[in-house]
Amino acid sequence: MKLENENLNESETPKLNIDAVSGCLYAFLYNCCIHESSWATVSLHYSKEGAEKAMQEHKQKALDDFNEMYGDDNEFDFKFGEHEDWCVETVEVLP
C-alpha cells in the first residue's frame, strides 16, 4: 500500500501524519473482477484529488494493456472495464 507524499528508505515503516489528515483519508480501490472478487486498496491519499489522479493513472495503464492485448484482434468483442471497477472512498481516521 502506498502513501501519498511519503519519502521513505526501504527499511522505514510508513507513518501517517495524523495532524495533516483532518479526520479522513482517501482510498483508491480496485476490483479486478466484479463477479468473483472484492475490492483491494491500491493506495491511500491525503487529498481526494490525489486519489482520483492515482485511479486515472491506473485505469489508463489498464486501458493501454487492454489495447495492447486485444487491439485490432478482438474477435470476442471484449469491452474495456466491463468486468472490473475503480473507485475512491473516504476513510475516517480515528484518534
PDB file of N, CA and C in Angstrom:
ATOM      1  N   MET A   1       0.844  -1.165   0.000  1.00  0.00           N
ATOM      2  CA  MET A   1       0.000   0.000   0.000  1.00  0.00           C
ATOM      3  C   MET A   1       0.893   1.232   0.000  1.00  0.00           C
ATOM      4  N   LYS A   2       0.610   2.217  -0.847  1.00  0.00           N
ATOM      5  CA  LYS A   2       1.413   3.415  -0.942  1.00  0.00           C
ATOM      6  C   LYS A   2       0.741   4.544  -0.183  1.00  0.00           C
ATOM      7  N   LEU A   3       1.566   5.449   0.358  1.00  0.00           N
ATOM      8  CA  LEU A   3       1.062   6.656   0.978  1.00  0.00           C
ATOM      9  C   LEU A   3       1.547   7.839   0.161  1.00  0.00           C
ATOM     10  N   GLU A   4       0.637   8.723  -0.179  1.00  0.00           N
ATOM     11  CA  GLU A   4       0.979   9.883  -0.984  1.00  0.00           C
ATOM     12  C   GLU A   4       1.988  10.761  -0.261  1.00  0.00           C
ATOM     13  N   ASN A   5       2.958  11.294  -0.985  1.00  0.00           N
ATOM     14  CA  ASN A   5       3.953  12.241  -0.474  1.00  0.00           C
ATOM     15  C   ASN A   5       4.831  11.667   0.616  1.00  0.00           C
ATOM     16  N   GLU A   6       5.092  10.412   0.597  1.00  0.00           N
ATOM     17  CA  GLU A   6       5.969   9.797   1.571  1.00  0.00           C
ATOM     18  C   GLU A   6       7.330   9.538   0.928  1.00  0.00           C
ATOM     19  N   ASN A   7       8.391   9.999   1.566  1.00  0.00           N
ATOM     20  CA  ASN A   7       9.749   9.730   1.114  1.00  0.00           C
ATOM     21  C   ASN A   7      10.417   8.860   2.166  1.00  0.00           C
ATOM     22  N   LEU A   8      10.444   7.563   1.922  1.00  0.00           N
ATOM     23  CA  LEU A   8      10.936   6.622   2.907  1.00  0.00           C
ATOM     24  C   LEU A   8      12.082   5.806   2.341  1.00  0.00           C
ATOM     25  N   ASN A   9      13.006   5.452   3.218  1.00  0.00           N
ATOM     26  CA  ASN A   9      14.002   4.458   2.842  1.00  0.00           C
ATOM     27  C   ASN A   9      13.308   3.109   2.875  1.00  0.00           C
ATOM     28  N   GLU A  10      13.907   2.111   2.235  1.00  0.00           N
ATOM     29  CA  GLU A  10      13.270   0.785   2.193  1.00  0.00           C
ATOM     30  C   GLU A  10      13.090   0.186   3.583  1.00  0.00           C
ATOM     31  N   SER A  11      13.958   0.560   4.530  1.00  0.00           N
ATOM     32  CA  SER A  11      13.888  -0.035   5.866  1.00  0.00           C
ATOM     33  C   SER A  11      12.909   0.694   6.780  1.00  0.00           C
ATOM     34  N   GLU A  12      12.389   1.851   6.361  1.00  0.00           N
ATOM     35  CA  GLU A  12      11.483   2.611   7.201  1.00  0.00           C
ATOM     36  C   GLU A  12      10.040   2.136   7.030  1.00  0.00           C
ATOM     37  N   THR A  13       9.281   2.232   8.108  1.00  0.00           N
ATOM     38  CA  THR A  13       7.862   1.892   8.083  1.00  0.00           C
ATOM     39  C   THR A  13       7.071   3.154   7.796  1.00  0.00           C
ATOM     40  N   PRO A  14       6.127   3.124   6.846  1.00  0.00           N
ATOM     41  CA  PRO A  14       5.335   4.326   6.568  1.00  0.00           C
ATOM     42  C   PRO A  14       4.492   4.714   7.766  1.00  0.00           C
ATOM     43  N   LYS A  15       4.429   6.013   8.029  1.00  0.00           N
ATOM     44  CA  LYS A  15       3.629   6.515   9.141  1.00  0.00           C
ATOM     45  C   LYS A  15       2.739   7.633   8.612  1.00  0.00           C
ATOM     46  N   LEU A  16       1.518   7.661   9.075  1.00  0.00           N
ATOM     47  CA  LEU A  16       0.600   8.716   8.690  1.00  0.00           C
ATOM     48  C   LEU A  16       0.819   9.928   9.581  1.00  0.00           C
ATOM     49  N   ASN A  17       0.810  11.103   8.988  1.00  0.00           N
ATOM     50  CA  ASN A  17       0.849  12.333   9.753  1.00  0.00           C
ATOM     51  C   ASN A  17      -0.595  12.661  10.129  1.00  0.00           C
ATOM     52  N   ILE A  18      -1.026  12.155  11.270  1.00  0.00           N
ATOM     53  CA  ILE A  18      -2.438  12.249  11.668  1.00  0.00           C
ATOM     54  C   ILE A  18      -2.899  13.698  11.750  1.00  0.00           C
ATOM     55  N   ASP A  19      -2.020  14.624  12.171  1.00  0.00           N
ATOM     56  CA  ASP A  19      -2.409  16.027  12.253  1.00  0.00           C
ATOM     57  C   ASP A  19      -2.772  16.578  10.880  1.00  0.00           C
ATOM     58  N   ALA A  20      -2.156  16.085   9.819  1.00  0.00           N
ATOM     59  CA  ALA A  20      -2.425  16.571   8.461  1.00  0.00           C
ATOM     60  C   ALA A  20      -3.653  15.914   7.838  1.00  0.00           C
ATOM     61  N   VAL A  21      -4.185  14.887   8.473  1.00  0.00           N
ATOM     62  CA  VAL A  21      -5.264  14.111   7.873  1.00  0.00           C
ATOM     63  C   VAL A  21      -6.621  14.795   8.003  1.00  0.00           C
ATOM     64  N   SER A  22      -6.847  15.549   9.064  1.00  0.00           N
ATOM     65  CA  SER A  22      -8.110  16.238   9.296  1.00  0.00           C
ATOM     66  C   SER A  22      -9.305  15.291   9.336  1.00  0.00           C
ATOM     67  N   GLY A  23      -9.138  14.125   9.924  1.00  0.00           N
ATOM     68  CA  GLY A  23     -10.250  13.216  10.137  1.00  0.00           C
ATOM     69  C   GLY A  23     -10.516  12.198   9.052  1.00  0.00           C
ATOM     70  N   CYS A  24      -9.883  12.339   7.866  1.00  0.00           N
ATOM     71  CA  CYS A  24     -10.126  11.339   6.836  1.00  0.00           C
ATOM     72  C   CYS A  24      -8.968  11.242   5.847  1.00  0.00           C
ATOM     73  N   LEU A  25      -8.907  10.098   5.220  1.00  0.00           N
ATOM     74  CA  LEU A  25      -8.005   9.828   4.107  1.00  0.00           C
ATOM     75  C   LEU A  25      -8.875   9.429   2.930  1.00  0.00           C
ATOM     76  N   TYR A  26      -8.255   9.320   1.772  1.00  0.00           N
ATOM     77  CA  TYR A  26      -8.977   8.890   0.585  1.00  0.00           C
ATOM     78  C   TYR A  26      -8.297   7.644   0.044  1.00  0.00           C
ATOM     79  N   ALA A  27      -9.075   6.584  -0.116  1.00  0.00           N
ATOM     80  CA  ALA A  27      -8.547   5.303  -0.585  1.00  0.00           C
ATOM     81  C   ALA A  27      -8.927   5.118  -2.043  1.00  0.00           C
ATOM     82  N   PHE A  28      -7.928   4.786  -2.843  1.00  0.00           N
ATOM     83  CA  PHE A  28      -8.180   4.378  -4.222  1.00  0.00           C
ATOM     84  C   PHE A  28      -8.320   2.869  -4.198  1.00  0.00           C
ATOM     85  N   LEU A  29      -9.485   2.378  -4.629  1.00  0.00           N
ATOM     86  CA  LEU A  29      -9.807   0.952  -4.601  1.00  0.00           C
ATOM     87  C   LEU A  29      -9.978   0.420  -6.016  1.00  0.00           C
ATOM     88  N   TYR A  30      -9.639  -0.855  -6.185  1.00  0.00           N
ATOM     89  CA  TYR A  30      -9.767  -1.515  -7.484  1.00  0.00           C
ATOM     90  C   TYR A  30     -10.329  -2.912  -7.276  1.00  0.00           C
ATOM     91  N   ASN A  31     -11.240  -3.308  -8.157  1.00  0.00           N
ATOM     92  CA  ASN A  31     -11.802  -4.649  -8.144  1.00  0.00           C
ATOM     93  C   ASN A  31     -11.556  -5.247  -9.530  1.00  0.00           C
ATOM     94  N   CYS A  32     -10.707  -6.269  -9.587  1.00  0.00           N
ATOM     95  CA  CYS A  32     -10.308  -6.842 -10.875  1.00  0.00           C
ATOM     96  C   CYS A  32     -11.395  -7.702 -11.515  1.00  0.00           C
ATOM     97  N   CYS A  33     -12.384  -8.150 -10.721  1.00  0.00           N
ATOM     98  CA  CYS A  33     -13.479  -8.941 -11.282  1.00  0.00           C
ATOM     99  C   CYS A  33     -14.720  -8.733 -10.414  1.00  0.00           C
ATOM    100  N   ILE A  34     -15.649  -7.945 -10.909  1.00  0.00           N
ATOM    101  CA  ILE A  34     -16.821  -7.588 -10.105  1.00  0.00           C
ATOM    102  C   ILE A  34     -17.721  -8.772  -9.793  1.00  0.00           C
ATOM    103  N   HIS A  35     -17.535  -9.892 -10.504  1.00  0.00           N
ATOM    104  CA  HIS A  35     -18.377 -11.064 -10.289  1.00  0.00           C
ATOM    105  C   HIS A  35     -17.793 -12.048  -9.285  1.00  0.00           C
ATOM    106  N   GLU A  36     -16.465 -12.082  -9.167  1.00  0.00           N
ATOM    107  CA  GLU A  36     -15.834 -13.111  -8.334  1.00  0.00           C
ATOM    108  C   GLU A  36     -14.803 -12.598  -7.352  1.00  0.00           C
ATOM    109  N   SER A  37     -14.598 -11.306  -7.285  1.00  0.00           N
ATOM    110  CA  SER A  37     -13.545 -10.779  -6.436  1.00  0.00           C
ATOM    111  C   SER A  37     -14.090  -9.682  -5.534  1.00  0.00           C
ATOM    112  N   SER A  38     -13.213  -9.097  -4.733  1.00  0.00           N
ATOM    113  CA  SER A  38     -13.622  -7.997  -3.860  1.00  0.00           C
ATOM    114  C   SER A  38     -12.682  -6.824  -4.077  1.00  0.00           C
ATOM    115  N   TRP A  39     -13.005  -5.719  -3.473  1.00  0.00           N
ATOM    116  CA  TRP A  39     -12.204  -4.510  -3.602  1.00  0.00           C
ATOM    117  C   TRP A  39     -10.860  -4.675  -2.903  1.00  0.00           C
ATOM    118  N   ALA A  40      -9.836  -4.093  -3.497  1.00  0.00           N
ATOM    119  CA  ALA A  40      -8.498  -4.059  -2.898  1.00  0.00           C
ATOM    120  C   ALA A  40      -8.059  -2.602  -2.832  1.00  0.00           C
ATOM    121  N   THR A  41      -7.437  -2.224  -1.723  1.00  0.00           N
ATOM    122  CA  THR A  41      -6.896  -0.875  -1.596  1.00  0.00           C
ATOM    123  C   THR A  41      -5.582  -0.817  -2.343  1.00  0.00           C
ATOM    124  N   VAL A  42      -5.501   0.068  -3.313  1.00  0.00           N
ATOM    125  CA  VAL A  42      -4.278   0.240  -4.088  1.00  0.00           C
ATOM    126  C   VAL A  42      -3.396   1.282  -3.428  1.00  0.00           C
ATOM    127  N   SER A  43      -3.988   2.399  -2.968  1.00  0.00           N
ATOM    128  CA  SER A  43      -3.204   3.450  -2.322  1.00  0.00           C
ATOM    129  C   SER A  43      -4.093   4.320  -1.453  1.00  0.00           C
ATOM    130  N   LEU A  44      -3.453   4.999  -0.491  1.00  0.00           N
ATOM    131  CA  LEU A  44      -4.128   5.953   0.391  1.00  0.00           C
ATOM    132  C   LEU A  44      -3.562   7.338   0.109  1.00  0.00           C
ATOM    133  N   HIS A  45      -4.438   8.353   0.221  1.00  0.00           N
ATOM    134  CA  HIS A  45      -4.032   9.715  -0.110  1.00  0.00           C
ATOM    135  C   HIS A  45      -4.607  10.707   0.886  1.00  0.00           C
ATOM    136  N   TYR A  46      -3.889  11.822   1.078  1.00  0.00           N
ATOM    137  CA  TYR A  46      -4.368  12.894   1.948  1.00  0.00           C
ATOM    138  C   TYR A  46      -5.448  13.724   1.258  1.00  0.00           C
ATOM    139  N   SER A  47      -5.476  13.722  -0.072  1.00  0.00           N
ATOM    140  CA  SER A  47      -6.475  14.513  -0.790  1.00  0.00           C
ATOM    141  C   SER A  47      -7.274  13.623  -1.739  1.00  0.00           C
ATOM    142  N   LYS A  48      -8.518  14.029  -1.972  1.00  0.00           N
ATOM    143  CA  LYS A  48      -9.373  13.304  -2.914  1.00  0.00           C
ATOM    144  C   LYS A  48      -8.797  13.417  -4.329  1.00  0.00           C
ATOM    145  N   GLU A  49      -8.239  14.577  -4.640  1.00  0.00           N
ATOM    146  CA  GLU A  49      -7.646  14.793  -5.960  1.00  0.00           C
ATOM    147  C   GLU A  49      -6.478  13.837  -6.203  1.00  0.00           C
ATOM    148  N   GLY A  50      -5.657  13.605  -5.171  1.00  0.00           N
ATOM    149  CA  GLY A  50      -4.535  12.677  -5.290  1.00  0.00           C
ATOM    150  C   GLY A  50      -5.005  11.254  -5.539  1.00  0.00           C
ATOM    151  N   ALA A  51      -6.066  10.858  -4.844  1.00  0.00           N
ATOM    152  CA  ALA A  51      -6.616   9.510  -5.030  1.00  0.00           C
ATOM    153  C   ALA A  51      -7.224   9.366  -6.425  1.00  0.00           C
ATOM    154  N   GLU A  52      -7.915  10.401  -6.880  1.00  0.00           N
ATOM    155  CA  GLU A  52      -8.515  10.351  -8.215  1.00  0.00           C
ATOM    156  C   GLU A  52      -7.444  10.331  -9.309  1.00  0.00           C
ATOM    157  N   LYS A  53      -6.349  11.041  -9.086  1.00  0.00           N
ATOM    158  CA  LYS A  53      -5.245  11.031 -10.045  1.00  0.00           C
ATOM    159  C   LYS A  53      -4.636   9.630 -10.134  1.00  0.00           C
ATOM    160  N   ALA A  54      -4.409   9.006  -8.967  1.00  0.00           N
ATOM    161  CA  ALA A  54      -3.866   7.639  -8.947  1.00  0.00           C
ATOM    162  C   ALA A  54      -4.808   6.671  -9.649  1.00  0.00           C
ATOM    163  N   MET A  55      -6.114   6.850  -9.436  1.00  0.00           N
ATOM    164  CA  MET A  55      -7.104   5.981 -10.074  1.00  0.00           C
ATOM    165  C   MET A  55      -7.059   6.156 -11.591  1.00  0.00           C
ATOM    166  N   GLN A  56      -6.999   7.398 -12.078  1.00  0.00           N
ATOM    167  CA  GLN A  56      -6.964   7.643 -13.517  1.00  0.00           C
ATOM    168  C   GLN A  56      -5.698   7.071 -14.156  1.00  0.00           C
ATOM    169  N   GLU A  57      -4.552   7.189 -13.458  1.00  0.00           N
ATOM    170  CA  GLU A  57      -3.301   6.625 -13.977  1.00  0.00           C
ATOM    171  C   GLU A  57      -3.385   5.100 -14.062  1.00  0.00           C
ATOM    172  N   HIS A  58      -3.963   4.482 -13.037  1.00  0.00           N
ATOM    173  CA  HIS A  58      -4.132   3.022 -13.017  1.00  0.00           C
ATOM    174  C   HIS A  58      -5.070   2.576 -14.137  1.00  0.00           C
ATOM    175  N   LYS A  59      -6.158   3.316 -14.289  1.00  0.00           N
ATOM    176  CA  LYS A  59      -7.144   2.984 -15.316  1.00  0.00           C
ATOM    177  C   LYS A  59      -6.545   3.144 -16.717  1.00  0.00           C
ATOM    178  N   GLN A  60      -5.722   4.194 -16.908  1.00  0.00           N
ATOM    179  CA  GLN A  60      -5.095   4.409 -18.211  1.00  0.00           C
ATOM    180  C   GLN A  60      -4.121   3.285 -18.529  1.00  0.00           C
ATOM    181  N   LYS A  61      -3.358   2.843 -17.526  1.00  0.00           N
ATOM    182  CA  LYS A  61      -2.427   1.732 -17.743  1.00  0.00           C
ATOM    183  C   LYS A  61      -3.201   0.455 -18.096  1.00  0.00           C
ATOM    184  N   ALA A  62      -4.314   0.221 -17.400  1.00  0.00           N
ATOM    185  CA  ALA A  62      -5.145  -0.951 -17.694  1.00  0.00           C
ATOM    186  C   ALA A  62      -5.701  -0.867 -19.118  1.00  0.00           C
ATOM    187  N   LEU A  63      -6.103   0.336 -19.549  1.00  0.00           N
ATOM    188  CA  LEU A  63      -6.614   0.513 -20.910  1.00  0.00           C
ATOM    189  C   LEU A  63      -5.505   0.279 -21.935  1.00  0.00           C
ATOM    190  N   ASP A  64      -4.314   0.786 -21.646  1.00  0.00           N
ATOM    191  CA  ASP A  64      -3.181   0.560 -22.552  1.00  0.00           C
ATOM    192  C   ASP A  64      -2.878  -0.930 -22.680  1.00  0.00           C
ATOM    193  N   ASP A  65      -2.893  -1.636 -21.534  1.00  0.00           N
ATOM    194  CA  ASP A  65      -2.655  -3.085 -21.547  1.00  0.00           C
ATOM    195  C   ASP A  65      -3.749  -3.809 -22.341  1.00  0.00           C
ATOM    196  N   PHE A  66      -5.001  -3.393 -22.136  1.00  0.00           N
ATOM    197  CA  PHE A  66      -6.129  -3.987 -22.852  1.00  0.00           C
ATOM    198  C   PHE A  66      -5.968  -3.792 -24.358  1.00  0.00           C
ATOM    199  N   ASN A  67      -5.637  -2.562 -24.762  1.00  0.00           N
ATOM    200  CA  ASN A  67      -5.473  -2.270 -26.187  1.00  0.00           C
ATOM    201  C   ASN A  67      -4.300  -3.025 -26.787  1.00  0.00           C
ATOM    202  N   GLU A  68      -3.242  -3.190 -26.000  1.00  0.00           N
ATOM    203  CA  GLU A  68      -2.095  -3.958 -26.483  1.00  0.00           C
ATOM    204  C   GLU A  68      -2.467  -5.433 -26.668  1.00  0.00           C
ATOM    205  N   MET A  69      -3.278  -5.945 -25.752  1.00  0.00           N
ATOM    206  CA  MET A  69      -3.651  -7.353 -25.815  1.00  0.00           C
ATOM    207  C   MET A  69      -4.669  -7.626 -26.921  1.00  0.00           C
ATOM    208  N   TYR A  70      -5.696  -6.764 -27.033  1.00  0.00           N
ATOM    209  CA  TYR A  70      -6.786  -7.042 -27.956  1.00  0.00           C
ATOM    210  C   TYR A  70      -6.757  -6.174 -29.212  1.00  0.00           C
ATOM    211  N   GLY A  71      -6.189  -4.978 -29.109  1.00  0.00           N
ATOM    212  CA  GLY A  71      -6.025  -4.063 -30.228  1.00  0.00           C
ATOM    213  C   GLY A  71      -6.946  -4.306 -31.409  1.00  0.00           C
ATOM    214  N   ASP A  72      -6.370  -4.775 -32.504  1.00  0.00           N
ATOM    215  CA  ASP A  72      -7.137  -4.990 -33.730  1.00  0.00           C
ATOM    216  C   ASP A  72      -7.733  -6.390 -33.815  1.00  0.00           C
ATOM    217  N   ASP A  73      -7.403  -7.244 -32.854  1.00  0.00           N
ATOM    218  CA  ASP A  73      -7.829  -8.641 -32.922  1.00  0.00           C
ATOM    219  C   ASP A  73      -8.728  -8.989 -31.737  1.00  0.00           C
ATOM    220  N   ASN A  74      -9.874  -8.306 -31.628  1.00  0.00           N
ATOM    221  CA  ASN A  74     -10.814  -8.523 -30.532  1.00  0.00           C
ATOM    222  C   ASN A  74     -11.992  -9.337 -31.053  1.00  0.00           C
ATOM    223  N   GLU A  75     -11.709 -10.586 -31.416  1.00  0.00           N
ATOM    224  CA  GLU A  75     -12.726 -11.429 -32.050  1.00  0.00           C
ATOM    225  C   GLU A  75     -13.928 -11.720 -31.153  1.00  0.00           C
ATOM    226  N   PHE A  76     -13.761 -11.619 -29.827  1.00  0.00           N
ATOM    227  CA  PHE A  76     -14.870 -11.893 -28.914  1.00  0.00           C
ATOM    228  C   PHE A  76     -15.587 -10.616 -28.483  1.00  0.00           C
ATOM    229  N   ASP A  77     -15.176  -9.482 -29.035  1.00  0.00           N
ATOM    230  CA  ASP A  77     -15.796  -8.191 -28.757  1.00  0.00           C
ATOM    231  C   ASP A  77     -15.764  -7.831 -27.269  1.00  0.00           C
ATOM    232  N   PHE A  78     -14.616  -8.103 -26.603  1.00  0.00           N
ATOM    233  CA  PHE A  78     -14.455  -7.708 -25.204  1.00  0.00           C
ATOM    234  C   PHE A  78     -14.514  -6.193 -25.089  1.00  0.00           C
ATOM    235  N   LYS A  79     -15.103  -5.701 -24.015  1.00  0.00           N
ATOM    236  CA  LYS A  79     -15.201  -4.269 -23.755  1.00  0.00           C
ATOM    237  C   LYS A  79     -14.317  -3.938 -22.553  1.00  0.00           C
ATOM    238  N   PHE A  80     -13.530  -2.870 -22.673  1.00  0.00           N
ATOM    239  CA  PHE A  80     -12.647  -2.479 -21.574  1.00  0.00           C
ATOM    240  C   PHE A  80     -13.457  -2.127 -20.326  1.00  0.00           C
ATOM    241  N   GLY A  81     -13.028  -2.668 -19.181  1.00  0.00           N
ATOM    242  CA  GLY A  81     -13.629  -2.347 -17.900  1.00  0.00           C
ATOM    243  C   GLY A  81     -14.975  -2.989 -17.630  1.00  0.00           C
ATOM    244  N   GLU A  82     -15.419  -3.851 -18.527  1.00  0.00           N
ATOM    245  CA  GLU A  82     -16.751  -4.438 -18.406  1.00  0.00           C
ATOM    246  C   GLU A  82     -16.914  -5.276 -17.129  1.00  0.00           C
ATOM    247  N   HIS A  83     -15.843  -5.918 -16.701  1.00  0.00           N
ATOM    248  CA  HIS A  83     -15.928  -6.809 -15.538  1.00  0.00           C
ATOM    249  C   HIS A  83     -15.011  -6.381 -14.391  1.00  0.00           C
ATOM    250  N   GLU A  84     -14.560  -5.125 -14.418  1.00  0.00           N
ATOM    251  CA  GLU A  84     -13.713  -4.605 -13.358  1.00  0.00           C
ATOM    252  C   GLU A  84     -14.223  -3.225 -12.974  1.00  0.00           C
ATOM    253  N   ASP A  85     -13.719  -2.699 -11.857  1.00  0.00           N
ATOM    254  CA  ASP A  85     -14.212  -1.402 -11.410  1.00  0.00           C
ATOM    255  C   ASP A  85     -13.146  -0.681 -10.591  1.00  0.00           C
ATOM    256  N   TRP A  86     -13.224   0.642 -10.564  1.00  0.00           N
ATOM    257  CA  TRP A  86     -12.326   1.511  -9.827  1.00  0.00           C
ATOM    258  C   TRP A  86     -13.170   2.507  -9.046  1.00  0.00           C
ATOM    259  N   CYS A  87     -12.687   2.926  -7.872  1.00  0.00           N
ATOM    260  CA  CYS A  87     -13.398   3.967  -7.126  1.00  0.00           C
ATOM    261  C   CYS A  87     -12.476   4.612  -6.100  1.00  0.00           C
ATOM    262  N   VAL A  88     -12.924   5.751  -5.584  1.00  0.00           N
ATOM    263  CA  VAL A  88     -12.264   6.448  -4.484  1.00  0.00           C
ATOM    264  C   VAL A  88     -13.273   6.533  -3.349  1.00  0.00           C
ATOM    265  N   GLU A  89     -12.841   6.143  -2.156  1.00  0.00           N
ATOM    266  CA  GLU A  89     -13.721   6.215  -0.983  1.00  0.00           C
ATOM    267  C   GLU A  89     -13.040   6.984   0.132  1.00  0.00           C
ATOM    268  N   THR A  90     -13.854   7.668   0.921  1.00  0.00           N
ATOM    269  CA  THR A  90     -13.348   8.364   2.097  1.00  0.00           C
ATOM    270  C   THR A  90     -13.195   7.370   3.233  1.00  0.00           C
ATOM    271  N   VAL A  91     -12.055   7.461   3.943  1.00  0.00           N
ATOM    272  CA  VAL A  91     -11.793   6.585   5.077  1.00  0.00           C
ATOM    273  C   VAL A  91     -11.635   7.461   6.311  1.00  0.00           C
ATOM    274  N   GLU A  92     -12.484   7.260   7.297  1.00  0.00           N
ATOM    275  CA  GLU A  92     -12.392   8.037   8.534  1.00  0.00           C
ATOM    276  C   GLU A  92     -11.197   7.567   9.354  1.00  0.00           C
ATOM    277  N   VAL A  93     -10.420   8.530   9.839  1.00  0.00           N
ATOM    278  CA  VAL A  93      -9.266   8.211  10.675  1.00  0.00           C
ATOM    279  C   VAL A  93      -9.658   8.479  12.114  1.00  0.00           C
ATOM    280  N   LEU A  94      -9.588   7.442  12.927  1.00  0.00           N
ATOM    281  CA  LEU A  94      -9.949   7.562  14.332  1.00  0.00           C
ATOM    282  C   LEU A  94      -8.710   7.891  15.159  1.00  0.00           C
ATOM    283  N   PRO A  95      -8.875   8.646  16.227  1.00  0.00           N
ATOM    284  CA  PRO A  95      -7.720   9.010  17.084  1.00  0.00           C
ATOM    285  C   PRO A  95      -7.170   7.808  17.833  1.00  0.00           C
TER     286      PRO A  95
END
